[in-house]
Amino acid sequence: MNRNINHSHHHGPPDYNRAFAIGVTLNVGFVVVEVVFGLLADSLALLTDAGHNLSDVLGLLLAWGASALASRRPSIRRTYGYSRATILASLASGLLLLAAVGAIAWEAVQRFMQPALPAGETIMLVAGIGVVINTATALLFLKGRERDLNIRGAFLHMAADAAVSLGVVISGAVIWRYGLVWVDPVISLVIAGVIFISTWDLMRDSVNLAIDAVPRNVDPEAVREFLQGQPGVTDLHDLHIWAMSTTDTALTAHLVMPDGVPSDAFLHDLAATLKERYFVDHATFQVERGGDEATCHQSLHCAD
């Protein structure tokens, strides 16, 4: 005798529309400033950086679009809605950041071979504005970066830009004051290294979620022990835990209970505890009395 019970809490993803709107507006404005001053100062560096910042605006728009899609209700065809769009967006953000790291590193190597002229006052001034704007934008996503991979991607884009702009200000000042032209590429390589380390974590987590791995904030062994330790549960199989989005986690499990389920409240309380203690938002249980050979395709603890 099988019995399927589903219990879930859905509160929807946090609303970051205001943060995205402010971030996009500030950064589009900064791109315009860079283009204007780049043309006035005849600075290829400012115009190039404007192009880089424009790509980060596209990254913000990508994350914003995914966040908006995730808030749409499920349909008959898309029974989980568009929640997984946030996972795809975080993966795309990681790829964009890796491309940026490559561009920064390549430019640094070029400057080792052909040292750049000291950064002018105009370039340092505009870069200083960039530090303020990008830091302010990054702070908009500071709280959400730990619990939402899509928001972490947006945060890293802005934090990376702030670091690059700060590097321009520092290296420009040092070169201008002491004439140490090698400082510029060294700082650029250090910044590229820091961005790469952060991006690697983002890429790893995004790929794992894309292939339905257990989210990093969930301990699967602890969940298994918890379910197996419930009164009346003699066995557990087909336990699967995966991310529906960068904020919601789902679980399915077959519980072997020879005496059956004492009440629906037992399963409801079980799901509520999984949510509170193990960050599982959507839990589905299939209850079996046992006796039949269990089908456990792709189950970790199946016999060969």
Protein backbone atom coordinates (compact mmCIF):
# COMPACT_ATOMS: atom_id res chain seq x y z
CA MET A 1 0.00 0.00 0.00
CA ASN A 2 1.47 3.29 -1.09
CA ARG A 3 0.43 6.66 0.08
CA ASN A 4 1.66 9.93 -1.37
CA ILE A 5 1.63 13.00 0.80
CA ASN A 6 2.90 16.41 -0.24
CA HIS A 7 3.51 19.22 2.15
CA SER A 8 5.09 22.50 1.15
CA HIS A 9 5.48 26.08 2.22
CA HIS A 10 5.93 28.64 -0.52
CA HIS A 11 6.56 32.22 0.39
CA GLY A 12 8.07 33.26 -2.92
CA PRO A 13 11.52 34.67 -3.48
CA PRO A 14 12.50 37.93 -1.78
CA ASP A 15 11.64 41.03 -3.79
CA TYR A 16 14.81 42.63 -5.17
CA ASN A 17 13.08 44.73 -7.83
CA ARG A 18 13.96 48.00 -6.09
CA ALA A 19 17.60 46.96 -5.62
CA PHE A 20 17.93 45.92 -9.26
CA ALA A 21 16.25 49.12 -10.49
CA ILE A 22 18.59 51.31 -8.43
CA GLY A 23 21.64 49.27 -9.45
CA VAL A 24 20.86 49.35 -13.16
CA THR A 25 20.09 53.08 -13.08
CA LEU A 26 23.30 53.96 -11.23
CA ASN A 27 25.47 51.84 -13.49
CA VAL A 28 23.91 53.00 -16.75
CA GLY A 29 24.52 56.56 -15.54
CA PHE A 30 28.14 55.69 -14.77
CA VAL A 31 28.63 54.16 -18.23
CA VAL A 32 27.41 57.44 -19.75
CA VAL A 33 29.84 59.40 -17.54
CA GLU A 34 32.74 57.17 -18.63
CA VAL A 35 31.87 57.56 -22.30
CA VAL A 36 31.58 61.34 -22.03
CA PHE A 37 34.84 61.81 -20.10
CA GLY A 38 36.55 59.18 -22.22
CA LEU A 39 35.75 61.16 -25.36
CA LEU A 40 36.67 64.50 -23.77
CA ALA A 41 39.97 63.18 -22.41
CA ASP A 42 40.61 61.02 -25.48
CA SER A 43 41.06 58.09 -23.09
CA LEU A 44 40.82 54.60 -24.56
CA ALA A 45 41.04 53.18 -21.01
CA LEU A 46 37.84 54.93 -19.93
CA LEU A 47 36.00 53.92 -23.10
CA THR A 48 37.13 50.31 -22.66
CA ASP A 49 36.04 50.30 -19.03
CA ALA A 50 32.68 51.74 -20.09
CA GLY A 51 32.22 48.69 -22.31
CA HIS A 52 33.14 46.41 -19.40
CA ASN A 53 30.66 48.17 -17.10
CA LEU A 54 27.98 47.87 -19.76
CA SER A 55 28.47 44.09 -19.74
CA ASP A 56 27.93 44.17 -15.97
CA VAL A 57 24.71 46.10 -16.49
CA LEU A 58 23.63 43.23 -18.77
CA GLY A 59 24.56 40.85 -15.93
CA LEU A 60 22.33 42.79 -13.55
CA LEU A 61 19.48 42.73 -16.07
CA LEU A 62 19.95 38.98 -16.48
CA ALA A 63 19.72 38.40 -12.72
CA TRP A 64 16.75 40.78 -12.47
CA GLY A 65 14.90 38.99 -15.26
CA ALA A 66 15.51 35.60 -13.64
CA SER A 67 14.30 36.91 -10.28
CA ALA A 68 11.13 38.24 -11.92
CA LEU A 69 10.53 34.93 -13.73
CA ALA A 70 10.93 33.00 -10.47
CA SER A 71 8.04 34.95 -8.95
CA ARG A 72 5.60 33.83 -11.66
CA ARG A 73 3.04 31.24 -10.68
CA PRO A 74 3.26 27.64 -11.98
CA SER A 75 1.12 26.57 -14.92
CA ILE A 76 -0.25 23.26 -16.19
CA ARG A 77 2.78 22.80 -18.43
CA ARG A 78 5.36 24.40 -16.14
CA THR A 79 4.37 22.84 -12.85
CA TYR A 80 7.39 24.31 -11.05
CA GLY A 81 6.98 27.69 -12.71
CA TYR A 82 10.14 29.45 -13.86
CA SER A 83 12.10 29.07 -10.63
CA ARG A 84 15.04 27.32 -12.29
CA ALA A 85 15.70 30.48 -14.32
CA THR A 86 17.58 31.81 -11.28
CA ILE A 87 19.97 28.84 -11.46
CA LEU A 88 20.58 29.42 -15.17
CA ALA A 89 21.16 33.14 -14.51
CA SER A 90 23.71 32.44 -11.77
CA LEU A 91 25.53 30.09 -14.14
CA ALA A 92 25.55 32.76 -16.86
CA SER A 93 26.79 35.35 -14.34
CA GLY A 94 29.66 33.07 -13.43
CA LEU A 95 30.65 32.68 -17.08
CA LEU A 96 30.54 36.47 -17.59
CA LEU A 97 32.75 36.97 -14.53
CA LEU A 98 35.26 34.39 -15.77
CA ALA A 99 35.39 36.21 -19.10
CA ALA A 100 36.04 39.46 -17.22
CA VAL A 101 38.85 37.81 -15.24
CA GLY A 102 40.44 36.65 -18.49
CA ALA A 103 40.20 40.15 -19.97
CA ILE A 104 41.75 41.77 -16.88
CA ALA A 105 44.58 39.22 -16.75
CA TRP A 106 45.31 39.62 -20.48
CA GLU A 107 45.42 43.40 -20.18
CA ALA A 108 47.76 43.10 -17.17
CA VAL A 109 50.16 40.89 -19.12
CA GLN A 110 50.12 43.38 -21.98
CA ARG A 111 50.99 46.19 -19.58
CA PHE A 112 53.98 44.25 -18.25
CA MET A 113 55.38 44.20 -21.76
CA GLN A 114 54.26 47.73 -22.64
CA PRO A 115 53.85 49.79 -19.45
CA ALA A 116 51.00 52.27 -19.55
CA LEU A 117 51.46 55.97 -19.12
CA PRO A 118 50.61 57.34 -15.66
CA ALA A 119 46.88 57.58 -15.11
CA GLY A 120 45.67 61.13 -15.48
CA GLU A 121 43.65 63.02 -12.91
CA THR A 122 40.51 62.62 -15.03
CA ILE A 123 40.86 58.83 -15.17
CA MET A 124 41.43 58.56 -11.42
CA LEU A 125 38.50 60.87 -10.71
CA VAL A 126 36.13 58.84 -12.86
CA ALA A 127 37.46 55.58 -11.39
CA GLY A 128 36.84 57.02 -7.90
CA ILE A 129 33.22 57.68 -8.87
CA GLY A 130 33.08 54.07 -10.07
CA VAL A 131 34.27 52.82 -6.67
CA VAL A 132 31.42 54.68 -4.95
CA ILE A 133 28.70 53.63 -7.41
CA ASN A 134 29.74 49.99 -7.69
CA THR A 135 30.21 49.62 -3.93
CA ALA A 136 26.79 51.16 -3.29
CA THR A 137 25.23 48.79 -5.82
CA ALA A 138 27.00 45.77 -4.34
CA LEU A 139 25.71 46.70 -0.87
CA LEU A 140 22.14 46.46 -2.20
CA PHE A 141 22.70 42.72 -2.65
CA LEU A 142 24.91 42.15 0.40
CA LYS A 143 22.31 40.46 2.61
CA GLY A 144 20.88 38.20 -0.08
CA ARG A 145 24.17 36.87 -1.42
CA GLU A 146 24.46 34.08 1.16
CA ARG A 147 21.04 32.51 0.58
CA ASP A 148 20.46 33.19 -3.12
CA LEU A 149 23.02 32.21 -5.75
CA ASN A 150 21.42 34.49 -8.35
CA ILE A 151 21.81 37.47 -6.02
CA ARG A 152 25.37 36.39 -5.25
CA GLY A 153 26.14 36.64 -8.96
CA ALA A 154 24.81 40.22 -9.06
CA PHE A 155 26.79 41.07 -5.91
CA LEU A 156 30.03 39.67 -7.34
CA HIS A 157 29.63 41.61 -10.58
CA MET A 158 29.37 44.89 -8.69
CA ALA A 159 32.04 44.02 -6.10
CA ALA A 160 34.41 43.07 -8.93
CA ASP A 161 33.80 46.40 -10.68
CA ALA A 162 34.40 48.28 -7.44
CA ALA A 163 37.69 46.39 -6.97
CA VAL A 164 38.81 47.15 -10.53
CA SER A 165 37.99 50.84 -10.14
CA LEU A 166 39.80 50.97 -6.80
CA GLY A 167 42.79 49.33 -8.45
CA VAL A 168 42.82 52.06 -11.12
CA VAL A 169 42.77 54.77 -8.45
CA ILE A 170 45.54 53.20 -6.34
CA SER A 171 47.83 52.25 -9.21
CA GLY A 172 47.28 55.61 -10.89
CA ALA A 173 48.19 57.48 -7.71
CA VAL A 174 51.30 55.34 -7.09
CA ILE A 175 52.52 55.66 -10.68
CA TRP A 176 51.77 59.37 -10.73
CA ARG A 177 53.62 59.95 -7.44
CA TYR A 178 56.52 57.47 -7.62
CA GLY A 179 56.70 56.43 -11.27
CA LEU A 180 56.42 52.70 -10.46
CA VAL A 181 54.69 51.59 -13.66
CA TRP A 182 54.81 47.89 -12.69
CA VAL A 183 52.30 48.54 -9.90
CA ASP A 184 49.41 48.81 -12.36
CA PRO A 185 49.59 45.26 -13.85
CA VAL A 186 50.44 43.72 -10.47
CA ILE A 187 47.34 45.21 -8.85
CA SER A 188 45.28 44.12 -11.86
CA LEU A 189 46.50 40.51 -11.51
CA VAL A 190 45.77 40.50 -7.77
CA ILE A 191 42.24 41.77 -8.42
CA ALA A 192 41.76 39.16 -11.18
CA GLY A 193 42.88 36.45 -8.75
CA VAL A 194 40.43 37.55 -6.06
CA ILE A 195 37.56 37.71 -8.56
CA PHE A 196 38.48 34.27 -9.91
CA ILE A 197 38.39 32.67 -6.44
CA SER A 198 34.96 34.15 -5.73
CA THR A 199 33.68 33.25 -9.19
CA TRP A 200 34.92 29.67 -8.86
CA ASP A 201 32.63 29.15 -5.86
CA LEU A 202 29.73 30.68 -7.78
CA MET A 203 30.37 28.46 -10.82
CA ARG A 204 30.75 25.31 -8.71
CA ASP A 205 27.50 25.92 -6.85
CA SER A 206 25.64 26.91 -10.05
CA VAL A 207 26.74 23.77 -11.90
CA ASN A 208 25.81 21.59 -8.92
CA LEU A 209 22.33 23.10 -8.74
CA ALA A 210 21.93 22.78 -12.52
CA ILE A 211 22.50 18.99 -12.30
CA ASP A 212 20.17 18.64 -9.30
CA ALA A 213 22.86 18.13 -6.68
CA VAL A 214 21.98 18.66 -3.02
CA PRO A 215 22.31 22.40 -2.21
CA ARG A 216 25.36 23.24 -0.14
CA ASN A 217 23.30 24.49 2.83
CA VAL A 218 21.56 21.12 3.24
CA ASP A 219 23.23 18.15 4.97
CA PRO A 220 21.82 15.03 3.21
CA GLU A 221 23.15 12.59 5.80
CA ALA A 222 21.57 14.58 8.62
CA VAL A 223 18.26 14.60 6.74
CA ARG A 224 18.48 10.82 6.19
CA GLU A 225 19.20 10.17 9.86
CA PHE A 226 16.34 12.45 10.88
CA LEU A 227 13.80 10.68 8.66
CA GLN A 228 15.01 7.18 9.61
CA GLY A 229 14.73 8.09 13.28
CA GLN A 230 11.02 8.96 13.09
CA PRO A 231 8.58 6.77 15.08
CA GLY A 232 7.21 3.94 12.95
CA VAL A 233 9.77 4.34 10.14
CA THR A 234 11.68 1.06 9.65
CA ASP A 235 13.38 1.90 6.37
CA LEU A 236 13.96 4.75 3.96
CA HIS A 237 14.79 4.72 0.26
CA ASP A 238 14.62 6.90 -2.85
CA LEU A 239 15.64 9.99 -0.92
CA HIS A 240 16.28 12.84 -3.35
CA ILE A 241 17.08 16.46 -2.46
CA TRP A 242 17.50 19.11 -5.13
CA ALA A 243 17.16 22.83 -5.80
CA MET A 244 14.04 24.09 -7.55
CA SER A 245 15.64 27.54 -7.69
CA THR A 246 18.47 29.39 -6.00
CA THR A 247 16.21 29.83 -2.94
CA ASP A 248 13.84 26.82 -2.83
CA THR A 249 14.83 23.21 -2.07
CA ALA A 250 12.68 20.14 -2.72
CA LEU A 251 12.77 16.63 -1.25
CA THR A 252 11.12 13.30 -2.09
CA ALA A 253 11.43 10.13 -0.04
CA HIS A 254 9.85 6.70 0.37
CA LEU A 255 9.16 5.95 4.03
CA VAL A 256 8.63 2.30 4.97
CA MET A 257 6.08 2.25 7.84
CA PRO A 258 4.61 -1.26 8.43
CA ASP A 259 1.90 0.11 10.73
CA GLY A 260 0.99 2.93 8.36
CA VAL A 261 0.87 6.65 9.06
CA PRO A 262 -0.61 7.60 12.42
CA SER A 263 -2.18 10.75 10.93
CA ASP A 264 -1.74 13.42 8.29
CA ALA A 265 -0.48 15.68 11.05
CA PHE A 266 2.56 13.39 11.41
CA LEU A 267 3.59 14.08 7.81
CA HIS A 268 2.75 17.76 8.02
CA ASP A 269 4.88 18.17 11.14
CA LEU A 270 7.66 16.17 9.47
CA ALA A 271 7.72 18.54 6.51
CA ALA A 272 7.56 21.59 8.78
CA THR A 273 10.58 20.35 10.74
CA LEU A 274 12.51 19.70 7.52
CA LYS A 275 11.87 23.28 6.47
CA GLU A 276 12.81 24.82 9.80
CA ARG A 277 15.82 22.65 10.61
CA TYR A 278 17.18 21.54 7.22
CA PHE A 279 16.03 24.32 4.83
CA VAL A 280 13.82 22.02 2.73
CA ASP A 281 10.89 24.04 1.38
CA HIS A 282 8.92 21.38 -0.50
CA ALA A 283 8.76 17.82 0.87
CA THR A 284 6.90 14.90 -0.71
CA PHE A 285 6.65 11.52 1.04
CA GLN A 286 5.53 8.18 -0.31
CA VAL A 287 4.55 5.90 2.56
CA GLU A 288 4.83 2.13 2.11
CA ARG A 289 3.96 -0.74 4.48
CA GLY A 290 6.81 -2.86 3.07
CA GLY A 291 6.84 -6.46 1.90
CA ASP A 292 7.24 -5.69 -1.82
CA GLU A 293 10.56 -5.29 -3.60
CA ALA A 294 11.11 -1.55 -3.64
CA THR A 295 11.87 0.16 -6.92
CA CYS A 296 14.66 2.58 -6.30
CA HIS A 297 16.05 3.74 -9.62
CA GLN A 298 18.84 6.29 -9.04
CA SER A 299 18.62 5.79 -5.29
CA LEU A 300 21.96 6.13 -3.50
CA HIS A 301 21.48 3.14 -1.21
CA CYS A 302 20.11 0.67 -3.78
CA ALA A 303 21.87 -2.65 -4.07
CA ASP A 304 23.75 -3.27 -7.33
